[in-house]
Amino acid sequence: MNRPNLTHPDLRPSAAPAPASAPAPPRQLPRRPLDLRVRTRRIQVEELVVDDPAKVLDHAQRAALTAPDTAAVLGHSPTTPLTLPAAAALLCALHEPGELAAMGLRLTRHTTHVTASDQQTEPVSLELSYAPDAPEA
């Protein structure tokens, strides 16, 4: 009976390579919220132009009837009509910028200023501004 020569490398029986073990998935630790006491402040400024003063005053007079307390803060009373700046301010206080165009006001610039800080660091500020009427370069 002939036995194979197992000492010669070419004659050794080929063994299938052992499968590589898959790495274990990372262990998920329960997430806890970090309480950094972050404070933020957002200021939004819309700059508007009055395109149609009569329309602005008309819409503001109707708005003063539905929001008399707000109109009173701006100087409106039954004996004192709203000035054009006060009328524009009243409409801006009660309506979204997209609605103001139909009331005779046009948005010329929108600026958002955001400041955020925690108790240990200085505030970080970001200001974004866009002007829809600006000519493109």
N, C-alpha and C. Protein backbone atom coordinates (compact mmCIF):
# COMPACT_ATOMS: atom_id res chain seq x y z
N MET A 1 0.84 -1.14 0.00
CA MET A 1 0.00 0.00 0.00
C MET A 1 0.89 1.22 0.00
N ASN A 2 0.68 2.06 -0.94
CA ASN A 2 1.47 3.28 -1.07
C ASN A 2 0.82 4.40 -0.28
N ARG A 3 1.63 4.98 0.53
CA ARG A 3 1.13 6.14 1.28
C ARG A 3 1.66 7.39 0.61
N PRO A 4 0.88 8.43 0.55
CA PRO A 4 1.37 9.66 -0.07
C PRO A 4 2.41 10.31 0.82
N ASN A 5 3.34 10.96 0.18
CA ASN A 5 4.40 11.67 0.90
C ASN A 5 3.83 13.02 1.34
N LEU A 6 3.53 13.13 2.60
CA LEU A 6 2.89 14.36 3.12
C LEU A 6 3.90 15.41 3.51
N THR A 7 5.18 15.09 3.43
CA THR A 7 6.18 16.08 3.79
C THR A 7 6.51 16.98 2.61
N HIS A 8 6.26 16.56 1.43
CA HIS A 8 6.52 17.38 0.26
C HIS A 8 5.37 18.37 0.10
N PRO A 9 5.64 19.70 -0.05
CA PRO A 9 4.57 20.69 -0.09
C PRO A 9 3.60 20.49 -1.23
N ASP A 10 4.03 20.02 -2.36
CA ASP A 10 3.11 19.86 -3.48
C ASP A 10 2.19 18.67 -3.29
N LEU A 11 2.54 17.74 -2.43
CA LEU A 11 1.75 16.54 -2.27
C LEU A 11 0.84 16.56 -1.05
N ARG A 12 0.89 17.59 -0.28
CA ARG A 12 0.00 17.65 0.88
C ARG A 12 -1.44 17.81 0.41
N PRO A 13 -2.35 17.18 1.12
CA PRO A 13 -3.75 17.39 0.72
C PRO A 13 -4.12 18.86 0.93
N SER A 14 -4.83 19.40 -0.03
CA SER A 14 -5.20 20.82 0.10
C SER A 14 -6.39 20.95 1.03
N ALA A 15 -6.18 21.75 1.99
CA ALA A 15 -7.26 22.01 2.93
C ALA A 15 -7.91 23.33 2.55
N ALA A 16 -9.19 23.35 2.63
CA ALA A 16 -9.89 24.60 2.30
C ALA A 16 -9.52 25.63 3.35
N PRO A 17 -9.25 26.84 2.91
CA PRO A 17 -8.88 27.87 3.89
C PRO A 17 -10.04 28.09 4.86
N ALA A 18 -9.67 28.32 6.07
CA ALA A 18 -10.69 28.56 7.09
C ALA A 18 -11.40 29.88 6.78
N PRO A 19 -12.71 29.87 6.88
CA PRO A 19 -13.42 31.12 6.58
C PRO A 19 -13.03 32.19 7.59
N ALA A 20 -12.84 33.40 7.06
CA ALA A 20 -12.48 34.51 7.94
C ALA A 20 -13.68 34.84 8.80
N SER A 21 -13.44 35.04 10.04
CA SER A 21 -14.56 35.35 10.93
C SER A 21 -14.97 36.81 10.70
N ALA A 22 -16.26 37.02 10.60
CA ALA A 22 -16.78 38.36 10.37
C ALA A 22 -16.60 39.18 11.64
N PRO A 23 -16.24 40.43 11.48
CA PRO A 23 -16.10 41.26 12.69
C PRO A 23 -17.46 41.43 13.36
N ALA A 24 -17.43 41.45 14.64
CA ALA A 24 -18.67 41.63 15.39
C ALA A 24 -19.17 43.05 15.17
N PRO A 25 -20.48 43.20 15.05
CA PRO A 25 -21.00 44.56 14.86
C PRO A 25 -20.68 45.40 16.09
N PRO A 26 -20.49 46.70 15.89
CA PRO A 26 -20.16 47.56 17.03
C PRO A 26 -21.30 47.52 18.05
N ARG A 27 -20.92 47.53 19.26
CA ARG A 27 -21.90 47.48 20.33
C ARG A 27 -22.58 48.84 20.46
N GLN A 28 -23.88 48.84 20.41
CA GLN A 28 -24.64 50.08 20.50
C GLN A 28 -24.89 50.40 21.97
N LEU A 29 -24.40 51.54 22.37
CA LEU A 29 -24.66 52.00 23.72
C LEU A 29 -25.91 52.86 23.69
N PRO A 30 -26.67 52.81 24.73
CA PRO A 30 -27.85 53.67 24.74
C PRO A 30 -27.41 55.13 24.70
N ARG A 31 -28.06 55.89 23.83
CA ARG A 31 -27.72 57.30 23.69
C ARG A 31 -28.42 58.11 24.78
N ARG A 32 -27.65 58.96 25.38
CA ARG A 32 -28.20 59.88 26.37
C ARG A 32 -28.07 61.28 25.80
N PRO A 33 -29.09 62.10 25.95
CA PRO A 33 -28.96 63.47 25.45
C PRO A 33 -27.90 64.23 26.25
N LEU A 34 -27.16 65.04 25.53
CA LEU A 34 -26.15 65.88 26.19
C LEU A 34 -26.82 67.19 26.59
N ASP A 35 -26.76 67.50 27.84
CA ASP A 35 -27.36 68.73 28.33
C ASP A 35 -26.26 69.79 28.43
N LEU A 36 -26.11 70.57 27.35
CA LEU A 36 -25.09 71.61 27.32
C LEU A 36 -25.66 72.99 27.64
N ARG A 37 -26.95 73.04 27.86
CA ARG A 37 -27.62 74.32 28.11
C ARG A 37 -27.32 75.30 26.98
N VAL A 38 -27.59 74.86 25.76
CA VAL A 38 -27.35 75.70 24.59
C VAL A 38 -28.49 76.71 24.47
N ARG A 39 -28.09 77.93 24.26
CA ARG A 39 -29.06 79.01 24.08
C ARG A 39 -28.90 79.55 22.67
N THR A 40 -30.02 79.76 22.00
CA THR A 40 -29.97 80.34 20.66
C THR A 40 -30.89 81.54 20.60
N ARG A 41 -30.54 82.43 19.70
CA ARG A 41 -31.38 83.59 19.43
C ARG A 41 -31.41 83.78 17.93
N ARG A 42 -32.60 83.93 17.38
CA ARG A 42 -32.76 84.11 15.94
C ARG A 42 -33.49 85.43 15.71
N ILE A 43 -32.86 86.28 14.91
CA ILE A 43 -33.46 87.56 14.54
C ILE A 43 -33.64 87.55 13.03
N GLN A 44 -34.87 87.79 12.59
CA GLN A 44 -35.12 87.86 11.16
C GLN A 44 -35.56 89.27 10.80
N VAL A 45 -34.93 89.80 9.78
CA VAL A 45 -35.23 91.16 9.34
C VAL A 45 -35.64 91.10 7.88
N GLU A 46 -36.83 91.60 7.61
CA GLU A 46 -37.29 91.73 6.22
C GLU A 46 -37.33 93.22 5.89
N GLU A 47 -36.63 93.59 4.85
CA GLU A 47 -36.67 94.97 4.40
C GLU A 47 -37.65 95.04 3.24
N LEU A 48 -38.61 95.95 3.35
CA LEU A 48 -39.68 96.04 2.37
C LEU A 48 -39.76 97.44 1.78
N VAL A 49 -40.30 97.50 0.59
CA VAL A 49 -40.56 98.77 -0.09
C VAL A 49 -42.07 98.84 -0.32
N VAL A 50 -42.65 100.01 -0.10
CA VAL A 50 -44.07 100.20 -0.37
C VAL A 50 -44.23 100.49 -1.85
N ASP A 51 -44.86 99.54 -2.55
CA ASP A 51 -45.12 99.73 -3.99
C ASP A 51 -46.42 100.48 -4.23
N ASP A 52 -47.40 100.24 -3.38
CA ASP A 52 -48.73 100.84 -3.57
C ASP A 52 -49.24 101.37 -2.23
N PRO A 53 -48.96 102.65 -1.93
CA PRO A 53 -49.34 103.22 -0.63
C PRO A 53 -50.84 103.12 -0.33
N ALA A 54 -51.69 103.35 -1.31
CA ALA A 54 -53.14 103.30 -1.07
C ALA A 54 -53.56 101.88 -0.68
N LYS A 55 -52.98 100.89 -1.33
CA LYS A 55 -53.29 99.49 -1.02
C LYS A 55 -52.82 99.12 0.39
N VAL A 56 -51.63 99.59 0.76
CA VAL A 56 -51.09 99.31 2.09
C VAL A 56 -52.00 99.92 3.15
N LEU A 57 -52.40 101.18 2.97
CA LEU A 57 -53.27 101.84 3.95
C LEU A 57 -54.63 101.16 4.04
N ASP A 58 -55.17 100.73 2.92
CA ASP A 58 -56.47 100.05 2.90
C ASP A 58 -56.40 98.72 3.67
N HIS A 59 -55.39 97.92 3.38
CA HIS A 59 -55.23 96.63 4.07
C HIS A 59 -54.96 96.85 5.56
N ALA A 60 -54.20 97.88 5.90
CA ALA A 60 -53.88 98.15 7.31
C ALA A 60 -55.12 98.60 8.08
N GLN A 61 -56.00 99.39 7.44
CA GLN A 61 -57.24 99.82 8.11
C GLN A 61 -58.10 98.60 8.46
N ARG A 62 -58.19 97.65 7.53
CA ARG A 62 -58.96 96.42 7.81
C ARG A 62 -58.27 95.58 8.87
N ALA A 63 -56.93 95.53 8.83
CA ALA A 63 -56.18 94.76 9.83
C ALA A 63 -56.33 95.38 11.22
N ALA A 64 -56.45 96.70 11.28
CA ALA A 64 -56.62 97.39 12.57
C ALA A 64 -57.94 97.01 13.22
N LEU A 65 -58.94 96.68 12.42
CA LEU A 65 -60.22 96.26 12.97
C LEU A 65 -60.14 94.84 13.56
N THR A 66 -59.31 93.99 12.96
CA THR A 66 -59.20 92.61 13.45
C THR A 66 -58.14 92.46 14.55
N ALA A 67 -57.20 93.40 14.62
CA ALA A 67 -56.15 93.35 15.66
C ALA A 67 -55.99 94.74 16.27
N PRO A 68 -57.01 95.22 17.00
CA PRO A 68 -56.96 96.59 17.50
C PRO A 68 -55.85 96.84 18.52
N ASP A 69 -55.50 95.84 19.32
CA ASP A 69 -54.44 96.03 20.31
C ASP A 69 -53.09 96.25 19.64
N THR A 70 -52.83 95.46 18.60
CA THR A 70 -51.57 95.62 17.86
C THR A 70 -51.55 96.97 17.16
N ALA A 71 -52.68 97.36 16.57
CA ALA A 71 -52.76 98.66 15.89
C ALA A 71 -52.57 99.80 16.88
N ALA A 72 -53.08 99.64 18.10
CA ALA A 72 -52.94 100.70 19.11
C ALA A 72 -51.48 100.90 19.51
N VAL A 73 -50.73 99.82 19.56
CA VAL A 73 -49.30 99.94 19.87
C VAL A 73 -48.60 100.79 18.82
N LEU A 74 -49.08 100.73 17.59
CA LEU A 74 -48.48 101.48 16.49
C LEU A 74 -49.06 102.89 16.35
N GLY A 75 -49.94 103.30 17.29
CA GLY A 75 -50.45 104.66 17.27
C GLY A 75 -51.84 104.81 16.68
N HIS A 76 -52.49 103.73 16.33
CA HIS A 76 -53.83 103.82 15.74
C HIS A 76 -54.87 103.94 16.84
N SER A 77 -55.84 104.81 16.59
CA SER A 77 -57.01 104.92 17.47
C SER A 77 -58.18 105.33 16.58
N PRO A 78 -59.39 105.32 17.12
CA PRO A 78 -60.52 105.74 16.29
C PRO A 78 -60.37 107.17 15.75
N THR A 79 -59.63 108.01 16.47
CA THR A 79 -59.45 109.39 16.01
C THR A 79 -58.13 109.63 15.29
N THR A 80 -57.22 108.66 15.38
CA THR A 80 -55.91 108.82 14.76
C THR A 80 -55.69 107.71 13.73
N PRO A 81 -55.66 108.07 12.45
CA PRO A 81 -55.41 107.03 11.44
C PRO A 81 -53.94 106.60 11.45
N LEU A 82 -53.68 105.46 10.88
CA LEU A 82 -52.30 104.95 10.78
C LEU A 82 -51.52 105.74 9.76
N THR A 83 -50.28 106.05 10.08
CA THR A 83 -49.37 106.62 9.09
C THR A 83 -48.95 105.48 8.15
N LEU A 84 -48.36 105.83 7.04
CA LEU A 84 -47.92 104.79 6.10
C LEU A 84 -46.87 103.86 6.73
N PRO A 85 -45.85 104.37 7.45
CA PRO A 85 -44.90 103.45 8.09
C PRO A 85 -45.58 102.56 9.14
N ALA A 86 -46.51 103.12 9.91
CA ALA A 86 -47.21 102.32 10.91
C ALA A 86 -48.11 101.28 10.24
N ALA A 87 -48.73 101.65 9.13
CA ALA A 87 -49.57 100.70 8.39
C ALA A 87 -48.72 99.54 7.87
N ALA A 88 -47.56 99.85 7.32
CA ALA A 88 -46.66 98.79 6.83
C ALA A 88 -46.20 97.91 7.99
N ALA A 89 -45.89 98.52 9.14
CA ALA A 89 -45.46 97.75 10.30
C ALA A 89 -46.57 96.83 10.78
N LEU A 90 -47.80 97.31 10.79
CA LEU A 90 -48.94 96.50 11.22
C LEU A 90 -49.11 95.29 10.30
N LEU A 91 -49.05 95.52 9.00
CA LEU A 91 -49.19 94.40 8.07
C LEU A 91 -48.06 93.40 8.23
N CYS A 92 -46.84 93.89 8.46
CA CYS A 92 -45.70 92.99 8.65
C CYS A 92 -45.84 92.18 9.94
N ALA A 93 -46.44 92.77 10.96
CA ALA A 93 -46.63 92.07 12.22
C ALA A 93 -47.68 90.97 12.11
N LEU A 94 -48.63 91.14 11.23
CA LEU A 94 -49.75 90.21 11.15
C LEU A 94 -49.69 89.21 10.00
N HIS A 95 -48.79 89.45 9.04
CA HIS A 95 -48.77 88.60 7.84
C HIS A 95 -47.36 88.10 7.53
N GLU A 96 -47.30 87.00 6.81
CA GLU A 96 -46.03 86.43 6.34
C GLU A 96 -45.51 87.26 5.16
N PRO A 97 -44.19 87.25 4.96
CA PRO A 97 -43.63 88.03 3.84
C PRO A 97 -44.24 87.69 2.48
N GLY A 98 -44.58 86.44 2.25
CA GLY A 98 -45.19 86.06 0.98
C GLY A 98 -46.56 86.68 0.75
N GLU A 99 -47.28 86.97 1.81
CA GLU A 99 -48.61 87.56 1.70
C GLU A 99 -48.55 89.07 1.48
N LEU A 100 -47.44 89.68 1.86
CA LEU A 100 -47.34 91.14 1.82
C LEU A 100 -47.31 91.70 0.40
N ALA A 101 -46.85 90.92 -0.55
CA ALA A 101 -46.79 91.42 -1.94
C ALA A 101 -48.17 91.76 -2.45
N ALA A 102 -49.17 90.97 -2.09
CA ALA A 102 -50.54 91.25 -2.53
C ALA A 102 -51.13 92.46 -1.82
N MET A 103 -50.45 92.95 -0.78
CA MET A 103 -50.95 94.09 -0.01
C MET A 103 -50.20 95.37 -0.34
N GLY A 104 -49.36 95.35 -1.37
CA GLY A 104 -48.66 96.55 -1.79
C GLY A 104 -47.27 96.73 -1.25
N LEU A 105 -46.71 95.67 -0.63
CA LEU A 105 -45.35 95.72 -0.10
C LEU A 105 -44.48 94.72 -0.85
N ARG A 106 -43.22 95.10 -1.11
CA ARG A 106 -42.30 94.20 -1.84
C ARG A 106 -41.06 93.99 -0.99
N LEU A 107 -40.68 92.71 -0.83
CA LEU A 107 -39.49 92.34 -0.07
C LEU A 107 -38.24 92.69 -0.88
N THR A 108 -37.33 93.44 -0.27
CA THR A 108 -36.09 93.78 -0.96
C THR A 108 -34.88 93.07 -0.37
N ARG A 109 -34.96 92.67 0.89
CA ARG A 109 -33.85 91.95 1.53
C ARG A 109 -34.39 91.18 2.71
N HIS A 110 -33.87 89.97 2.88
CA HIS A 110 -34.22 89.14 4.03
C HIS A 110 -32.91 88.74 4.71
N THR A 111 -32.80 89.01 6.00
CA THR A 111 -31.59 88.68 6.75
C THR A 111 -31.98 87.89 7.99
N THR A 112 -31.28 86.79 8.22
CA THR A 112 -31.47 85.99 9.43
C THR A 112 -30.15 85.97 10.18
N HIS A 113 -30.20 86.34 11.43
CA HIS A 113 -29.01 86.35 12.29
C HIS A 113 -29.26 85.37 13.42
N VAL A 114 -28.41 84.35 13.53
CA VAL A 114 -28.55 83.32 14.56
C VAL A 114 -27.31 83.35 15.44
N THR A 115 -27.52 83.36 16.75
CA THR A 115 -26.44 83.28 17.72
C THR A 115 -26.71 82.09 18.62
N ALA A 116 -25.68 81.26 18.85
CA ALA A 116 -25.83 80.10 19.73
C ALA A 116 -24.63 80.02 20.65
N SER A 117 -24.88 79.59 21.89
CA SER A 117 -23.78 79.43 22.84
C SER A 117 -24.21 78.45 23.93
N ASP A 118 -23.21 77.86 24.58
CA ASP A 118 -23.50 77.08 25.77
C ASP A 118 -22.87 77.82 26.95
N GLN A 119 -22.88 77.21 28.10
CA GLN A 119 -22.40 77.92 29.28
C GLN A 119 -20.88 78.05 29.33
N GLN A 120 -20.17 77.24 28.55
CA GLN A 120 -18.71 77.25 28.64
C GLN A 120 -18.01 78.00 27.49
N THR A 121 -18.70 78.27 26.40
CA THR A 121 -18.02 78.85 25.24
C THR A 121 -18.61 80.20 24.86
N GLU A 122 -17.84 80.92 24.08
CA GLU A 122 -18.30 82.19 23.55
C GLU A 122 -19.38 81.93 22.50
N PRO A 123 -20.30 82.85 22.31
CA PRO A 123 -21.35 82.66 21.31
C PRO A 123 -20.78 82.56 19.90
N VAL A 124 -21.42 81.75 19.10
CA VAL A 124 -21.10 81.61 17.69
C VAL A 124 -22.24 82.28 16.92
N SER A 125 -21.89 83.11 15.94
CA SER A 125 -22.91 83.83 15.19
C SER A 125 -22.86 83.47 13.72
N LEU A 126 -24.03 83.46 13.12
CA LEU A 126 -24.17 83.20 11.69
C LEU A 126 -25.19 84.18 11.15
N GLU A 127 -24.85 84.81 10.04
CA GLU A 127 -25.80 85.72 9.42
C GLU A 127 -25.96 85.34 7.96
N LEU A 128 -27.21 85.13 7.57
CA LEU A 128 -27.54 84.79 6.18
C LEU A 128 -28.40 85.91 5.63
N SER A 129 -28.10 86.35 4.43
CA SER A 129 -28.84 87.44 3.85
C SER A 129 -29.06 87.18 2.37
N TYR A 130 -30.24 87.56 1.89
CA TYR A 130 -30.45 87.46 0.46
C TYR A 130 -31.35 88.60 0.02
N ALA A 131 -31.11 89.07 -1.17
CA ALA A 131 -31.90 90.16 -1.73
C ALA A 131 -32.49 89.66 -3.05
N PRO A 132 -33.80 89.46 -3.10
CA PRO A 132 -34.39 88.93 -4.33
C PRO A 132 -34.25 89.86 -5.53
N ASP A 133 -34.09 91.17 -5.28
CA ASP A 133 -33.97 92.12 -6.40
C ASP A 133 -32.53 92.32 -6.86
N ALA A 134 -31.56 91.71 -6.16
CA ALA A 134 -30.15 91.93 -6.49
C ALA A 134 -29.84 91.35 -7.86
N PRO A 135 -29.13 92.11 -8.71
CA PRO A 135 -28.75 91.55 -10.02
C PRO A 135 -27.70 90.46 -9.84
N GLU A 136 -27.83 89.42 -10.62
CA GLU A 136 -26.87 88.31 -10.52
C GLU A 136 -25.59 88.66 -11.25
N ALA A 137 -24.47 88.23 -10.68
CA ALA A 137 -23.16 88.54 -11.28
C ALA A 137 -22.86 87.64 -12.44
